[in-house]
Amino acid sequence: MTETLETPTTHRRVRVWFGAHPIADHTAMAEQAGQYEEAMRRRFASLRVTSEPVLVDAER
């Protein structure tokens, strides 16, 4: 078994959650993802919105 290292990229993954279920999932460059996140927070004010870095294999 080999172990892989993951490093963050300049992309972010933004998701809108309805309970435990994502109802929107969008990946974009950090700046665009920030704008999308803001828009989703306004549109879905009562739902949880997450933004996390996209991880890639360091070996690639």
Protein backbone atom coordinates (compact mmCIF):
# COMPACT_ATOMS: atom_id res chain seq x y z
CA MET A 1 0.00 0.00 0.00
CA THR A 2 1.36 3.42 -0.90
CA GLU A 3 0.55 6.66 0.81
CA THR A 4 -0.24 9.73 -1.29
CA LEU A 5 0.17 13.31 -0.26
CA GLU A 6 -2.49 15.84 -1.12
CA THR A 7 -1.90 19.53 -1.61
CA PRO A 8 -4.47 22.30 -2.02
CA THR A 9 -4.81 24.03 -5.39
CA THR A 10 -6.09 27.45 -6.36
CA HIS A 11 -9.56 25.94 -6.87
CA ARG A 12 -12.31 25.76 -4.26
CA ARG A 13 -15.39 23.56 -3.99
CA VAL A 14 -18.57 25.32 -2.89
CA ARG A 15 -21.57 23.27 -1.79
CA VAL A 16 -25.06 24.14 -0.60
CA TRP A 17 -26.49 21.64 1.86
CA PHE A 18 -30.08 20.67 2.64
CA GLY A 19 -29.50 18.71 5.83
CA ALA A 20 -26.94 16.04 4.96
CA HIS A 21 -27.59 16.29 1.21
CA PRO A 22 -25.72 18.64 -1.12
CA ILE A 23 -28.17 20.33 -3.48
CA ALA A 24 -25.55 22.39 -5.33
CA ASP A 25 -21.89 21.55 -5.94
CA HIS A 26 -19.58 23.93 -7.81
CA THR A 27 -15.79 23.99 -8.28
CA ALA A 28 -14.00 27.08 -9.59
CA MET A 29 -10.93 29.27 -9.22
CA ALA A 30 -10.75 30.84 -5.75
CA GLU A 31 -12.02 34.29 -6.80
CA GLN A 32 -14.97 32.93 -8.79
CA ALA A 33 -15.76 30.44 -6.04
CA GLY A 34 -15.92 33.31 -3.53
CA GLN A 35 -18.44 35.13 -5.70
CA TYR A 36 -20.49 31.95 -6.14
CA GLU A 37 -20.40 31.32 -2.38
CA GLU A 38 -21.68 34.84 -1.65
CA ALA A 39 -24.49 34.43 -4.18
CA MET A 40 -25.53 31.06 -2.74
CA ARG A 41 -25.51 32.45 0.82
CA ARG A 42 -27.89 35.22 -0.32
CA ARG A 43 -30.09 32.84 -2.33
CA PHE A 44 -30.21 30.09 0.32
CA ALA A 45 -29.94 32.11 3.54
CA SER A 46 -31.37 29.34 5.72
CA LEU A 47 -29.13 26.56 4.34
CA ARG A 48 -25.52 25.69 5.14
CA VAL A 49 -22.98 26.74 2.47
CA THR A 50 -19.44 25.36 2.60
CA SER A 51 -16.30 26.31 0.71
CA GLU A 52 -13.21 24.12 0.88
CA PRO A 53 -9.97 23.83 -1.07
CA VAL A 54 -9.80 21.20 -3.78
CA LEU A 55 -7.09 18.63 -3.04
CA VAL A 56 -4.92 17.02 -5.72
CA ASP A 57 -2.41 14.17 -5.58
CA ALA A 58 1.12 15.49 -5.13
CA GLU A 59 2.44 12.64 -7.31
CA ARG A 60 0.63 13.84 -10.45
